[in-house]
N, C-alpha and C. Protein backbone atom coordinates (compact mmCIF):
# COMPACT_ATOMS: atom_id res chain seq x y z
N MET A 1 26.66 169.48 -197.18
CA MET A 1 28.26 169.91 -197.26
C MET A 1 28.39 169.79 -195.80
N ALA A 2 27.59 169.72 -194.50
CA ALA A 2 28.52 168.98 -193.58
C ALA A 2 28.11 168.28 -192.83
N ASP A 3 27.76 167.08 -194.03
CA ASP A 3 27.48 165.60 -193.50
C ASP A 3 28.25 165.08 -194.12
N GLU A 4 29.42 165.50 -195.61
CA GLU A 4 29.75 164.72 -196.40
C GLU A 4 31.38 164.05 -194.85
N PRO A 5 31.31 165.08 -194.13
CA PRO A 5 32.91 164.34 -193.36
C PRO A 5 32.06 163.40 -192.79
N ILE A 6 31.18 163.70 -192.15
CA ILE A 6 30.71 162.56 -191.52
C ILE A 6 30.59 161.47 -192.03
N GLU A 7 29.78 161.48 -193.20
CA GLU A 7 29.50 160.15 -194.19
C GLU A 7 30.51 159.74 -194.44
N ARG A 8 31.43 160.21 -194.26
CA ARG A 8 33.33 159.42 -194.95
C ARG A 8 33.93 158.70 -193.39
N GLN A 9 33.58 159.86 -192.75
CA GLN A 9 34.18 159.11 -190.73
C GLN A 9 32.88 157.05 -190.72
N HIS A 10 31.94 157.31 -191.31
CA HIS A 10 31.17 156.33 -191.05
C HIS A 10 31.54 154.79 -192.16
N GLN A 11 32.18 155.80 -193.35
CA GLN A 11 32.25 154.28 -194.47
C GLN A 11 33.50 154.00 -194.43
N ARG A 12 34.46 155.04 -193.32
CA ARG A 12 36.26 154.28 -192.68
C ARG A 12 35.47 153.75 -191.42
N GLU A 13 34.51 153.54 -191.18
CA GLU A 13 34.38 152.76 -190.02
C GLU A 13 33.63 151.54 -190.56
N ARG A 14 32.91 151.75 -191.18
CA ARG A 14 32.36 150.22 -192.01
C ARG A 14 33.86 149.23 -192.86
N GLU A 15 33.87 150.32 -193.19
CA GLU A 15 34.88 149.77 -194.36
C GLU A 15 36.57 148.43 -193.18
N GLN A 16 36.60 149.08 -191.81
CA GLN A 16 37.20 149.01 -190.68
C GLN A 16 36.80 147.57 -190.19
N GLU A 17 35.19 147.29 -189.87
CA GLU A 17 34.87 146.84 -189.65
C GLU A 17 34.98 145.13 -190.47
N ARG A 18 34.16 145.56 -191.73
CA ARG A 18 34.00 144.58 -192.76
C ARG A 18 35.76 143.98 -192.85
N GLN A 19 37.33 144.54 -192.45
CA GLN A 19 38.33 144.43 -192.78
C GLN A 19 38.40 143.38 -191.56
N ARG A 20 38.15 143.36 -189.93
CA ARG A 20 37.92 142.51 -188.93
C ARG A 20 37.12 142.02 -188.92
N LEU A 21 35.86 141.77 -189.72
CA LEU A 21 35.56 140.68 -189.59
C LEU A 21 36.12 139.77 -190.96
N ARG A 22 36.28 140.06 -191.67
CA ARG A 22 37.24 139.50 -192.97
C ARG A 22 38.22 138.76 -191.75
N GLU A 23 39.24 138.91 -191.24
CA GLU A 23 40.21 138.83 -190.56
C GLU A 23 40.49 137.73 -189.82
N GLN A 24 38.58 137.94 -189.10
CA GLN A 24 38.11 136.71 -187.58
C GLN A 24 38.11 135.96 -189.22
N GLU A 25 37.23 135.57 -189.57
CA GLU A 25 37.02 134.42 -191.07
C GLU A 25 37.87 133.73 -191.63
N GLU A 26 38.84 134.51 -191.71
CA GLU A 26 39.99 133.94 -191.98
C GLU A 26 40.69 132.88 -190.81
N LYS A 27 40.94 133.31 -190.00
CA LYS A 27 41.40 132.46 -188.50
C LYS A 27 40.07 131.44 -188.30
N ASP A 28 39.25 131.22 -188.34
CA ASP A 28 38.15 130.44 -187.78
C ASP A 28 38.07 129.58 -189.57
N LEU A 29 38.59 129.69 -190.19
CA LEU A 29 39.01 128.71 -191.56
C LEU A 29 39.87 128.10 -191.49
N LYS A 30 40.98 128.85 -190.89
CA LYS A 30 41.97 128.26 -189.94
C LYS A 30 41.85 126.80 -189.37
N VAL A 31 41.17 127.44 -188.50
CA VAL A 31 41.43 126.10 -187.14
C VAL A 31 40.11 125.08 -187.85
N GLU A 32 39.24 125.90 -188.54
CA GLU A 32 38.36 124.76 -188.72
C GLU A 32 38.60 123.76 -189.70
N ALA A 33 40.05 124.38 -190.74
CA ALA A 33 40.80 122.64 -191.73
C ALA A 33 41.94 122.36 -191.27
N SER A 34 41.83 122.29 -189.62
CA SER A 34 43.03 121.57 -189.20
C SER A 34 42.12 120.52 -188.48
N ARG A 35 42.55 119.38 -188.67
CA ARG A 35 41.94 118.72 -187.53
C ARG A 35 42.35 117.88 -185.79
N GLY A 36 41.96 117.40 -185.35
CA GLY A 36 42.50 117.09 -184.18
C GLY A 36 41.67 117.36 -182.94
N SER A 37 42.46 117.15 -181.39
CA SER A 37 41.13 117.98 -180.47
C SER A 37 41.40 119.36 -179.96
N ARG A 38 40.46 119.58 -179.79
CA ARG A 38 40.04 121.18 -179.22
C ARG A 38 40.01 121.47 -177.90
N PRO A 39 40.84 122.43 -177.15
CA PRO A 39 40.57 122.70 -176.19
C PRO A 39 38.80 123.20 -176.04
N LEU A 40 38.13 123.38 -174.54
CA LEU A 40 36.94 123.93 -174.47
C LEU A 40 37.52 125.30 -174.10
N GLU A 41 35.89 126.04 -174.88
CA GLU A 41 36.57 127.42 -175.03
C GLU A 41 36.58 128.17 -173.73
N GLY A 42 37.41 128.68 -173.56
CA GLY A 42 37.05 129.87 -172.21
C GLY A 42 38.48 128.76 -171.55
N PHE A 43 38.64 127.37 -171.73
CA PHE A 43 39.53 127.36 -171.04
C PHE A 43 40.80 126.59 -171.06
N ALA A 44 40.95 127.46 -172.31
CA ALA A 44 42.13 126.27 -173.51
C ALA A 44 43.34 126.59 -172.50
N GLY A 45 43.82 127.74 -171.46
CA GLY A 45 45.20 128.01 -170.66
C GLY A 45 44.66 127.35 -169.21
N GLY A 46 43.30 126.82 -168.77
CA GLY A 46 43.44 126.71 -168.03
C GLY A 46 43.36 125.81 -167.38
N HIS A 47 44.54 125.76 -166.02
CA HIS A 47 44.55 124.82 -165.35
C HIS A 47 43.39 123.79 -164.09
N THR A 48 43.32 122.56 -164.23
CA THR A 48 42.17 121.91 -163.53
C THR A 48 42.90 120.79 -163.18
N THR A 49 42.73 120.28 -162.05
CA THR A 49 42.92 118.87 -161.30
C THR A 49 41.57 117.88 -161.63
N TRP A 50 40.65 118.14 -162.82
CA TRP A 50 39.72 117.31 -163.12
C TRP A 50 39.96 115.86 -163.97
N THR A 51 39.88 114.60 -163.72
CA THR A 51 40.99 113.56 -164.50
C THR A 51 40.03 112.55 -165.13
N GLY A 52 40.53 111.99 -166.37
CA GLY A 52 39.63 110.97 -166.64
C GLY A 52 39.06 109.85 -165.65
N ALA A 53 39.53 109.17 -165.09
CA ALA A 53 38.87 108.76 -163.36
C ALA A 53 37.84 109.17 -163.20
N GLN A 54 37.77 110.22 -163.63
CA GLN A 54 36.63 110.48 -162.24
C GLN A 54 35.12 110.77 -163.35
N ASP A 55 35.80 110.89 -164.19
CA ASP A 55 35.03 110.59 -165.74
C ASP A 55 33.94 108.83 -165.87
N ASP A 56 35.26 108.23 -165.63
CA ASP A 56 35.00 106.53 -165.71
C ASP A 56 33.65 106.04 -164.36
N GLU A 57 34.40 106.92 -163.40
CA GLU A 57 33.73 107.31 -161.80
C GLU A 57 31.91 106.95 -162.04
N ALA A 58 31.82 108.54 -162.51
CA ALA A 58 30.85 108.64 -162.51
C ALA A 58 29.94 107.95 -163.51
N ALA A 59 30.16 107.65 -164.34
CA ALA A 59 29.98 106.68 -165.89
C ALA A 59 29.67 105.35 -164.77
N ALA A 60 30.02 104.84 -163.78
CA ALA A 60 30.12 103.35 -163.92
C ALA A 60 29.24 103.21 -162.93
N ARG A 61 28.72 104.61 -161.55
CA ARG A 61 27.67 105.02 -160.98
C ARG A 61 25.96 104.83 -161.98
N VAL A 62 26.39 105.88 -163.08
CA VAL A 62 25.27 106.17 -163.65
C VAL A 62 24.56 104.79 -164.54
N HIS A 63 25.09 104.37 -165.16
CA HIS A 63 25.09 103.71 -166.32
C HIS A 63 25.28 102.04 -165.96
N ALA A 64 25.28 101.53 -164.66
CA ALA A 64 25.65 100.19 -164.18
C ALA A 64 24.81 99.29 -164.49
N GLY A 65 23.03 99.66 -164.26
CA GLY A 65 22.68 98.46 -165.00
C GLY A 65 21.64 99.04 -166.09
N ASP A 66 22.24 99.46 -167.42
CA ASP A 66 22.04 100.20 -168.22
C ASP A 66 21.78 98.63 -169.67
N ALA A 67 22.97 98.03 -169.57
CA ALA A 67 23.41 96.96 -169.84
C ALA A 67 22.15 95.69 -170.07
N GLU A 68 21.52 95.98 -168.35
CA GLU A 68 19.97 94.67 -167.85
C GLU A 68 18.91 95.19 -168.26
N ARG A 69 18.83 96.74 -168.06
CA ARG A 69 18.19 96.65 -168.51
C ARG A 69 16.93 97.10 -170.29
N SER A 70 18.15 96.98 -170.99
CA SER A 70 18.36 97.14 -171.94
C SER A 70 17.54 95.59 -172.31
N TRP A 71 18.91 94.73 -171.99
CA TRP A 71 18.49 93.00 -172.29
C TRP A 71 16.85 93.30 -171.87
N ARG A 72 16.43 92.91 -170.75
CA ARG A 72 15.03 92.72 -170.07
C ARG A 72 14.01 93.68 -171.10
N ALA A 73 14.39 94.68 -171.47
CA ALA A 73 13.13 95.51 -172.61
C ALA A 73 13.19 94.78 -174.05
N SER A 74 14.46 94.90 -174.09
CA SER A 74 14.61 93.53 -175.48
C SER A 74 13.72 92.56 -175.52
N GLU A 75 14.14 91.56 -174.64
CA GLU A 75 13.31 90.72 -174.43
C GLU A 75 11.87 90.22 -174.60
N ARG A 76 11.34 91.66 -173.22
CA ARG A 76 9.75 91.74 -173.15
C ARG A 76 9.40 92.23 -175.17
N GLN A 77 9.96 93.40 -175.72
CA GLN A 77 9.41 93.45 -177.36
C GLN A 77 9.70 92.66 -177.86
N ALA A 78 10.51 91.79 -177.49
CA ALA A 78 10.30 90.10 -178.20
C ALA A 78 8.71 89.52 -177.99
N ARG A 79 9.11 89.79 -177.02
CA ARG A 79 7.25 88.48 -176.30
C ARG A 79 5.90 89.64 -176.52
N LEU A 80 6.43 90.90 -176.77
CA LEU A 80 5.39 91.44 -177.08
C LEU A 80 4.65 91.93 -175.87
N GLU A 81 4.93 92.30 -175.15
CA GLU A 81 4.73 92.79 -173.30
C GLU A 81 4.88 93.87 -173.31
N PRO A 82 3.99 94.30 -172.58
CA PRO A 82 3.82 95.47 -172.19
C PRO A 82 4.75 96.15 -171.15
N GLU A 83 5.16 97.28 -171.69
CA GLU A 83 6.19 98.07 -170.73
C GLU A 83 5.95 98.20 -168.92
N PRO A 84 6.78 97.35 -168.48
CA PRO A 84 6.32 97.41 -166.99
C PRO A 84 6.13 98.84 -166.30
N GLU A 85 5.23 99.51 -165.15
CA GLU A 85 5.65 100.62 -164.88
C GLU A 85 6.73 101.16 -164.24
N ARG A 86 7.15 102.11 -164.41
CA ARG A 86 8.70 102.57 -163.07
C ARG A 86 8.10 102.84 -162.29
N ARG A 87 9.00 102.17 -161.36
CA ARG A 87 9.39 102.68 -160.06
C ARG A 87 9.80 103.56 -159.81
N ASP A 88 9.82 104.46 -158.01
CA ASP A 88 10.78 105.72 -158.31
C ASP A 88 11.90 105.64 -158.16
N GLU A 89 12.55 104.55 -157.51
CA GLU A 89 14.35 104.26 -157.83
C GLU A 89 14.70 104.35 -158.98
N GLU A 90 13.85 104.25 -159.84
CA GLU A 90 14.30 103.15 -161.66
C GLU A 90 14.20 104.83 -161.92
N GLU A 91 13.71 105.43 -161.96
CA GLU A 91 13.14 106.89 -162.28
C GLU A 91 14.87 107.83 -161.97
N ASP A 92 15.17 107.62 -160.83
CA ASP A 92 16.30 108.38 -160.16
C ASP A 92 17.29 107.62 -160.50
N ALA A 93 17.15 106.58 -161.11
CA ALA A 93 18.70 106.32 -161.62
C ALA A 93 19.45 106.75 -163.17
């Protein structure tokens, strides 16, 4: 009999947790139903000085020779030539 009040308390806590999870699931479903850009988690209201131009500059450096390398690789494959051995500077690029 001493266990009955404790069991009721545990039951009430479990029900509260289920209710909290249902509410969170409803919020998630509302967000997933809407379309559009989404902020990064944890940074939704944060201020940043990062600009799109910085992304463009980095991409231009990193991918500067991609088209040319891809074209050369396609030409080699079309002629069934083996791939050349990679040099260290190509691996770093």
